[in-house]
Amino acid sequence: MTSDIISGIVTVLTAIVGVAIIAVIVSKGAQTPQVLQAGGSAFAAALGAAVSPVTGGGLGFTGGPGLQGIQNF
């Protein structure tokens, strides 16, 4: 009985999220290509960081402020 209720709630929440995703994708102001490109870039960076110990590649960071850029609070 309880699992049926939980299953029903999950189904309804999944349907709401699905409708929201479709609404965002088809809206006129949506920047879907840019969002997909940003997501793909983030995934590629995460994948590169994950395999860098095996391939010997770095994380792609060059320079940066180091600890000097952190302010004391």
PDB file of N, CA and C in Angstrom:
ATOM      1  N   MET A   1       0.829  -1.195   0.000  1.00  0.00           N
ATOM      2  CA  MET A   1       0.000   0.000   0.000  1.00  0.00           C
ATOM      3  C   MET A   1       0.872   1.257   0.000  1.00  0.00           C
ATOM      4  N   THR A   2       1.855   1.302   0.892  1.00  0.00           N
ATOM      5  CA  THR A   2       2.715   2.477   0.970  1.00  0.00           C
ATOM      6  C   THR A   2       3.567   2.620  -0.281  1.00  0.00           C
ATOM      7  N   SER A   3       4.064   1.507  -0.798  1.00  0.00           N
ATOM      8  CA  SER A   3       4.883   1.589  -2.008  1.00  0.00           C
ATOM      9  C   SER A   3       4.064   2.053  -3.210  1.00  0.00           C
ATOM     10  N   ASP A   4       2.780   1.733  -3.241  1.00  0.00           N
ATOM     11  CA  ASP A   4       1.917   2.215  -4.322  1.00  0.00           C
ATOM     12  C   ASP A   4       1.757   3.733  -4.259  1.00  0.00           C
ATOM     13  N   ILE A   5       1.636   4.265  -3.059  1.00  0.00           N
ATOM     14  CA  ILE A   5       1.490   5.709  -2.893  1.00  0.00           C
ATOM     15  C   ILE A   5       2.781   6.420  -3.305  1.00  0.00           C
ATOM     16  N   ILE A   6       3.895   5.882  -2.846  1.00  0.00           N
ATOM     17  CA  ILE A   6       5.186   6.481  -3.198  1.00  0.00           C
ATOM     18  C   ILE A   6       5.415   6.400  -4.703  1.00  0.00           C
ATOM     19  N   SER A   7       5.072   5.279  -5.294  1.00  0.00           N
ATOM     20  CA  SER A   7       5.219   5.117  -6.735  1.00  0.00           C
ATOM     21  C   SER A   7       4.366   6.133  -7.493  1.00  0.00           C
ATOM     22  N   GLY A   8       3.171   6.363  -7.016  1.00  0.00           N
ATOM     23  CA  GLY A   8       2.295   7.347  -7.641  1.00  0.00           C
ATOM     24  C   GLY A   8       2.843   8.753  -7.534  1.00  0.00           C
ATOM     25  N   ILE A   9       3.376   9.088  -6.365  1.00  0.00           N
ATOM     26  CA  ILE A   9       3.950  10.410  -6.164  1.00  0.00           C
ATOM     27  C   ILE A   9       5.161  10.613  -7.065  1.00  0.00           C
ATOM     28  N   VAL A  10       6.012   9.603  -7.162  1.00  0.00           N
ATOM     29  CA  VAL A  10       7.190   9.697  -8.024  1.00  0.00           C
ATOM     30  C   VAL A  10       6.777   9.850  -9.483  1.00  0.00           C
ATOM     31  N   THR A  11       5.746   9.156  -9.889  1.00  0.00           N
ATOM     32  CA  THR A  11       5.259   9.265 -11.261  1.00  0.00           C
ATOM     33  C   THR A  11       4.764  10.669 -11.562  1.00  0.00           C
ATOM     34  N   VAL A  12       4.016  11.244 -10.640  1.00  0.00           N
ATOM     35  CA  VAL A  12       3.497  12.601 -10.839  1.00  0.00           C
ATOM     36  C   VAL A  12       4.644  13.612 -10.881  1.00  0.00           C
ATOM     37  N   LEU A  13       5.603  13.484  -9.967  1.00  0.00           N
ATOM     38  CA  LEU A  13       6.734  14.412  -9.962  1.00  0.00           C
ATOM     39  C   LEU A  13       7.572  14.283 -11.228  1.00  0.00           C
ATOM     40  N   THR A  14       7.749  13.069 -11.713  1.00  0.00           N
ATOM     41  CA  THR A  14       8.484  12.855 -12.958  1.00  0.00           C
ATOM     42  C   THR A  14       7.763  13.499 -14.135  1.00  0.00           C
ATOM     43  N   ALA A  15       6.453  13.383 -14.160  1.00  0.00           N
ATOM     44  CA  ALA A  15       5.667  13.999 -15.234  1.00  0.00           C
ATOM     45  C   ALA A  15       5.788  15.523 -15.189  1.00  0.00           C
ATOM     46  N   ILE A  16       5.767  16.105 -13.993  1.00  0.00           N
ATOM     47  CA  ILE A  16       5.888  17.557 -13.863  1.00  0.00           C
ATOM     48  C   ILE A  16       7.256  18.021 -14.361  1.00  0.00           C
ATOM     49  N   VAL A  17       8.306  17.317 -13.980  1.00  0.00           N
ATOM     50  CA  VAL A  17       9.653  17.680 -14.434  1.00  0.00           C
ATOM     51  C   VAL A  17       9.758  17.529 -15.955  1.00  0.00           C
ATOM     52  N   GLY A  18       9.163  16.479 -16.504  1.00  0.00           N
ATOM     53  CA  GLY A  18       9.184  16.281 -17.949  1.00  0.00           C
ATOM     54  C   GLY A  18       8.490  17.400 -18.701  1.00  0.00           C
ATOM     55  N   VAL A  19       7.347  17.822 -18.207  1.00  0.00           N
ATOM     56  CA  VAL A  19       6.622  18.930 -18.847  1.00  0.00           C
ATOM     57  C   VAL A  19       7.439  20.216 -18.749  1.00  0.00           C
ATOM     58  N   ALA A  20       8.089  20.440 -17.605  1.00  0.00           N
ATOM     59  CA  ALA A  20       8.901  21.643 -17.440  1.00  0.00           C
ATOM     60  C   ALA A  20      10.077  21.643 -18.408  1.00  0.00           C
ATOM     61  N   ILE A  21      10.719  20.491 -18.583  1.00  0.00           N
ATOM     62  CA  ILE A  21      11.850  20.399 -19.513  1.00  0.00           C
ATOM     63  C   ILE A  21      11.395  20.686 -20.931  1.00  0.00           C
ATOM     64  N   ILE A  22      10.283  20.111 -21.339  1.00  0.00           N
ATOM     65  CA  ILE A  22       9.768  20.342 -22.692  1.00  0.00           C
ATOM     66  C   ILE A  22       9.399  21.810 -22.881  1.00  0.00           C
ATOM     67  N   ALA A  23       8.786  22.425 -21.863  1.00  0.00           N
ATOM     68  CA  ALA A  23       8.412  23.833 -21.961  1.00  0.00           C
ATOM     69  C   ALA A  23       9.627  24.728 -22.130  1.00  0.00           C
ATOM     70  N   VAL A  24      10.690  24.427 -21.420  1.00  0.00           N
ATOM     71  CA  VAL A  24      11.907  25.236 -21.534  1.00  0.00           C
ATOM     72  C   VAL A  24      12.547  25.054 -22.900  1.00  0.00           C
ATOM     73  N   ILE A  25      12.573  23.828 -23.399  1.00  0.00           N
ATOM     74  CA  ILE A  25      13.219  23.556 -24.688  1.00  0.00           C
ATOM     75  C   ILE A  25      12.495  24.237 -25.834  1.00  0.00           C
ATOM     76  N   VAL A  26      11.171  24.248 -25.823  1.00  0.00           N
ATOM     77  CA  VAL A  26      10.421  24.783 -26.957  1.00  0.00           C
ATOM     78  C   VAL A  26      10.068  26.256 -26.822  1.00  0.00           C
ATOM     79  N   SER A  27      10.396  26.889 -25.687  1.00  0.00           N
ATOM     80  CA  SER A  27      10.058  28.301 -25.538  1.00  0.00           C
ATOM     81  C   SER A  27      10.907  29.143 -26.485  1.00  0.00           C
ATOM     82  N   LYS A  28      10.365  30.282 -26.876  1.00  0.00           N
ATOM     83  CA  LYS A  28      11.050  31.125 -27.854  1.00  0.00           C
ATOM     84  C   LYS A  28      12.323  31.738 -27.289  1.00  0.00           C
ATOM     85  N   GLY A  29      12.340  32.039 -26.000  1.00  0.00           N
ATOM     86  CA  GLY A  29      13.505  32.681 -25.408  1.00  0.00           C
ATOM     87  C   GLY A  29      14.573  31.712 -24.946  1.00  0.00           C
ATOM     88  N   ALA A  30      14.338  30.425 -25.116  1.00  0.00           N
ATOM     89  CA  ALA A  30      15.302  29.430 -24.638  1.00  0.00           C
ATOM     90  C   ALA A  30      16.562  29.466 -25.481  1.00  0.00           C
ATOM     91  N   GLN A  31      17.675  29.325 -24.825  1.00  0.00           N
ATOM     92  CA  GLN A  31      18.954  29.261 -25.521  1.00  0.00           C
ATOM     93  C   GLN A  31      19.453  27.824 -25.460  1.00  0.00           C
ATOM     94  N   THR A  32      18.650  26.930 -25.997  1.00  0.00           N
ATOM     95  CA  THR A  32      18.918  25.501 -25.902  1.00  0.00           C
ATOM     96  C   THR A  32      20.285  25.110 -26.451  1.00  0.00           C
ATOM     97  N   PRO A  33      20.700  25.599 -27.619  1.00  0.00           N
ATOM     98  CA  PRO A  33      22.025  25.195 -28.117  1.00  0.00           C
ATOM     99  C   PRO A  33      23.159  25.599 -27.171  1.00  0.00           C
ATOM    100  N   GLN A  34      23.059  26.792 -26.597  1.00  0.00           N
ATOM    101  CA  GLN A  34      24.104  27.245 -25.691  1.00  0.00           C
ATOM    102  C   GLN A  34      24.127  26.407 -24.414  1.00  0.00           C
ATOM    103  N   VAL A  35      22.948  26.054 -23.916  1.00  0.00           N
ATOM    104  CA  VAL A  35      22.871  25.233 -22.705  1.00  0.00           C
ATOM    105  C   VAL A  35      23.451  23.850 -22.971  1.00  0.00           C
ATOM    106  N   LEU A  36      23.109  23.260 -24.106  1.00  0.00           N
ATOM    107  CA  LEU A  36      23.641  21.938 -24.444  1.00  0.00           C
ATOM    108  C   LEU A  36      25.154  21.986 -24.647  1.00  0.00           C
ATOM    109  N   GLN A  37      25.648  23.056 -25.265  1.00  0.00           N
ATOM    110  CA  GLN A  37      27.081  23.184 -25.470  1.00  0.00           C
ATOM    111  C   GLN A  37      27.808  23.335 -24.137  1.00  0.00           C
ATOM    112  N   ALA A  38      27.251  24.125 -23.231  1.00  0.00           N
ATOM    113  CA  ALA A  38      27.872  24.301 -21.923  1.00  0.00           C
ATOM    114  C   ALA A  38      27.874  22.998 -21.136  1.00  0.00           C
ATOM    115  N   GLY A  39      26.791  22.261 -21.211  1.00  0.00           N
ATOM    116  CA  GLY A  39      26.735  20.971 -20.531  1.00  0.00           C
ATOM    117  C   GLY A  39      27.738  19.984 -21.103  1.00  0.00           C
ATOM    118  N   GLY A  40      27.871  19.983 -22.409  1.00  0.00           N
ATOM    119  CA  GLY A  40      28.844  19.101 -23.053  1.00  0.00           C
ATOM    120  C   GLY A  40      30.272  19.472 -22.696  1.00  0.00           C
ATOM    121  N   SER A  41      30.552  20.768 -22.638  1.00  0.00           N
ATOM    122  CA  SER A  41      31.890  21.217 -22.256  1.00  0.00           C
ATOM    123  C   SER A  41      32.210  20.835 -20.820  1.00  0.00           C
ATOM    124  N   ALA A  42      31.230  20.987 -19.937  1.00  0.00           N
ATOM    125  CA  ALA A  42      31.437  20.614 -18.532  1.00  0.00           C
ATOM    126  C   ALA A  42      31.678  19.116 -18.401  1.00  0.00           C
ATOM    127  N   PHE A  43      30.926  18.331 -19.159  1.00  0.00           N
ATOM    128  CA  PHE A  43      31.107  16.877 -19.113  1.00  0.00           C
ATOM    129  C   PHE A  43      32.478  16.490 -19.652  1.00  0.00           C
ATOM    130  N   ALA A  44      32.897  17.132 -20.738  1.00  0.00           N
ATOM    131  CA  ALA A  44      34.206  16.829 -21.314  1.00  0.00           C
ATOM    132  C   ALA A  44      35.333  17.185 -20.346  1.00  0.00           C
ATOM    133  N   ALA A  45      35.190  18.304 -19.644  1.00  0.00           N
ATOM    134  CA  ALA A  45      36.208  18.705 -18.675  1.00  0.00           C
ATOM    135  C   ALA A  45      36.258  17.721 -17.508  1.00  0.00           C
ATOM    136  N   ALA A  46      35.090  17.292 -17.034  1.00  0.00           N
ATOM    137  CA  ALA A  46      35.055  16.324 -15.941  1.00  0.00           C
ATOM    138  C   ALA A  46      35.647  14.990 -16.373  1.00  0.00           C
ATOM    139  N   LEU A  47      35.353  14.583 -17.587  1.00  0.00           N
ATOM    140  CA  LEU A  47      35.906  13.337 -18.103  1.00  0.00           C
ATOM    141  C   LEU A  47      37.423  13.436 -18.257  1.00  0.00           C
ATOM    142  N   GLY A  48      37.909  14.557 -18.755  1.00  0.00           N
ATOM    143  CA  GLY A  48      39.346  14.763 -18.888  1.00  0.00           C
ATOM    144  C   GLY A  48      40.052  14.741 -17.541  1.00  0.00           C
ATOM    145  N   ALA A  49      39.423  15.339 -16.531  1.00  0.00           N
ATOM    146  CA  ALA A  49      40.014  15.324 -15.192  1.00  0.00           C
ATOM    147  C   ALA A  49      40.019  13.916 -14.611  1.00  0.00           C
ATOM    148  N   ALA A  50      39.008  13.138 -14.926  1.00  0.00           N
ATOM    149  CA  ALA A  50      38.915  11.785 -14.384  1.00  0.00           C
ATOM    150  C   ALA A  50      39.975  10.862 -14.979  1.00  0.00           C
ATOM    151  N   VAL A  51      40.289  11.038 -16.247  1.00  0.00           N
ATOM    152  CA  VAL A  51      41.254  10.145 -16.890  1.00  0.00           C
ATOM    153  C   VAL A  51      42.670  10.705 -16.898  1.00  0.00           C
ATOM    154  N   SER A  52      42.867  11.917 -16.380  1.00  0.00           N
ATOM    155  CA  SER A  52      44.201  12.524 -16.421  1.00  0.00           C
ATOM    156  C   SER A  52      45.267  11.733 -15.660  1.00  0.00           C
ATOM    157  N   PRO A  53      44.952  11.054 -14.545  1.00  0.00           N
ATOM    158  CA  PRO A  53      46.012  10.249 -13.918  1.00  0.00           C
ATOM    159  C   PRO A  53      46.482   9.092 -14.798  1.00  0.00           C
ATOM    160  N   VAL A  54      45.616   8.587 -15.633  1.00  0.00           N
ATOM    161  CA  VAL A  54      45.956   7.456 -16.492  1.00  0.00           C
ATOM    162  C   VAL A  54      46.677   7.933 -17.749  1.00  0.00           C
ATOM    163  N   THR A  55      46.180   9.018 -18.324  1.00  0.00           N
ATOM    164  CA  THR A  55      46.744   9.498 -19.587  1.00  0.00           C
ATOM    165  C   THR A  55      47.927  10.426 -19.401  1.00  0.00           C
ATOM    166  N   GLY A  56      48.114  10.915 -18.173  1.00  0.00           N
ATOM    167  CA  GLY A  56      49.216  11.832 -17.916  1.00  0.00           C
ATOM    168  C   GLY A  56      48.894  13.260 -18.266  1.00  0.00           C
ATOM    169  N   GLY A  57      47.664  13.513 -18.667  1.00  0.00           N
ATOM    170  CA  GLY A  57      47.266  14.871 -19.002  1.00  0.00           C
ATOM    171  C   GLY A  57      47.007  15.687 -17.752  1.00  0.00           C
ATOM    172  N   GLY A  58      47.117  16.982 -17.882  1.00  0.00           N
ATOM    173  CA  GLY A  58      46.836  17.875 -16.774  1.00  0.00           C
ATOM    174  C   GLY A  58      45.369  18.233 -16.739  1.00  0.00           C
ATOM    175  N   LEU A  59      45.034  19.082 -15.822  1.00  0.00           N
ATOM    176  CA  LEU A  59      43.650  19.528 -15.711  1.00  0.00           C
ATOM    177  C   LEU A  59      43.364  20.718 -16.604  1.00  0.00           C
ATOM    178  N   GLY A  60      44.379  21.224 -17.266  1.00  0.00           N
ATOM    179  CA  GLY A  60      44.166  22.341 -18.181  1.00  0.00           C
ATOM    180  C   GLY A  60      44.262  23.694 -17.509  1.00  0.00           C
ATOM    181  N   PHE A  61      44.660  23.749 -16.239  1.00  0.00           N
ATOM    182  CA  PHE A  61      44.788  25.016 -15.550  1.00  0.00           C
ATOM    183  C   PHE A  61      46.167  25.591 -15.829  1.00  0.00           C
ATOM    184  N   THR A  62      46.224  26.831 -16.202  1.00  0.00           N
ATOM    185  CA  THR A  62      47.509  27.481 -16.425  1.00  0.00           C
ATOM    186  C   THR A  62      47.587  28.700 -15.533  1.00  0.00           C
ATOM    187  N   GLY A  63      48.580  28.738 -14.699  1.00  0.00           N
ATOM    188  CA  GLY A  63      48.776  29.898 -13.837  1.00  0.00           C
ATOM    189  C   GLY A  63      47.690  30.005 -12.791  1.00  0.00           C
ATOM    190  N   GLY A  64      47.176  31.176 -12.638  1.00  0.00           N
ATOM    191  CA  GLY A  64      46.155  31.423 -11.644  1.00  0.00           C
ATOM    192  C   GLY A  64      46.762  32.109 -10.438  1.00  0.00           C
ATOM    193  N   PRO A  65      45.927  32.665  -9.586  1.00  0.00           N
ATOM    194  CA  PRO A  65      46.439  33.449  -8.475  1.00  0.00           C
ATOM    195  C   PRO A  65      47.066  32.626  -7.367  1.00  0.00           C
ATOM    196  N   GLY A  66      46.772  31.345  -7.289  1.00  0.00           N
ATOM    197  CA  GLY A  66      47.280  30.528  -6.195  1.00  0.00           C
ATOM    198  C   GLY A  66      46.680  30.971  -4.878  1.00  0.00           C
ATOM    199  N   LEU A  67      47.410  30.761  -3.818  1.00  0.00           N
ATOM    200  CA  LEU A  67      46.911  31.143  -2.492  1.00  0.00           C
ATOM    201  C   LEU A  67      46.967  32.648  -2.265  1.00  0.00           C
ATOM    202  N   GLN A  68      47.757  33.362  -3.071  1.00  0.00           N
ATOM    203  CA  GLN A  68      47.850  34.806  -2.897  1.00  0.00           C
ATOM    204  C   GLN A  68      46.533  35.509  -3.239  1.00  0.00           C
ATOM    205  N   GLY A  69      45.707  34.876  -4.065  1.00  0.00           N
ATOM    206  CA  GLY A  69      44.451  35.490  -4.450  1.00  0.00           C
ATOM    207  C   GLY A  69      43.345  35.324  -3.438  1.00  0.00           C
ATOM    208  N   ILE A  70      43.601  34.555  -2.392  1.00  0.00           N
ATOM    209  CA  ILE A  70      42.572  34.329  -1.392  1.00  0.00           C
ATOM    210  C   ILE A  70      42.694  35.392  -0.316  1.00  0.00           C
ATOM    211  N   GLN A  71      41.612  36.073  -0.039  1.00  0.00           N
ATOM    212  CA  GLN A  71      41.625  37.126   0.974  1.00  0.00           C
ATOM    213  C   GLN A  71      41.415  36.521   2.354  1.00  0.00           C
ATOM    214  N   ASN A  72      42.001  37.147   3.351  1.00  0.00           N
ATOM    215  CA  ASN A  72      41.802  36.728   4.743  1.00  0.00           C
ATOM    216  C   ASN A  72      40.471  37.295   5.236  1.00  0.00           C
ATOM    217  N   PHE A  73      39.722  36.465   5.878  1.00  0.00           N
ATOM    218  CA  PHE A  73      38.428  36.930   6.417  1.00  0.00           C
ATOM    219  C   PHE A  73      38.497  36.968   7.913  1.00  0.00           C
TER     220      PHE A  73
END
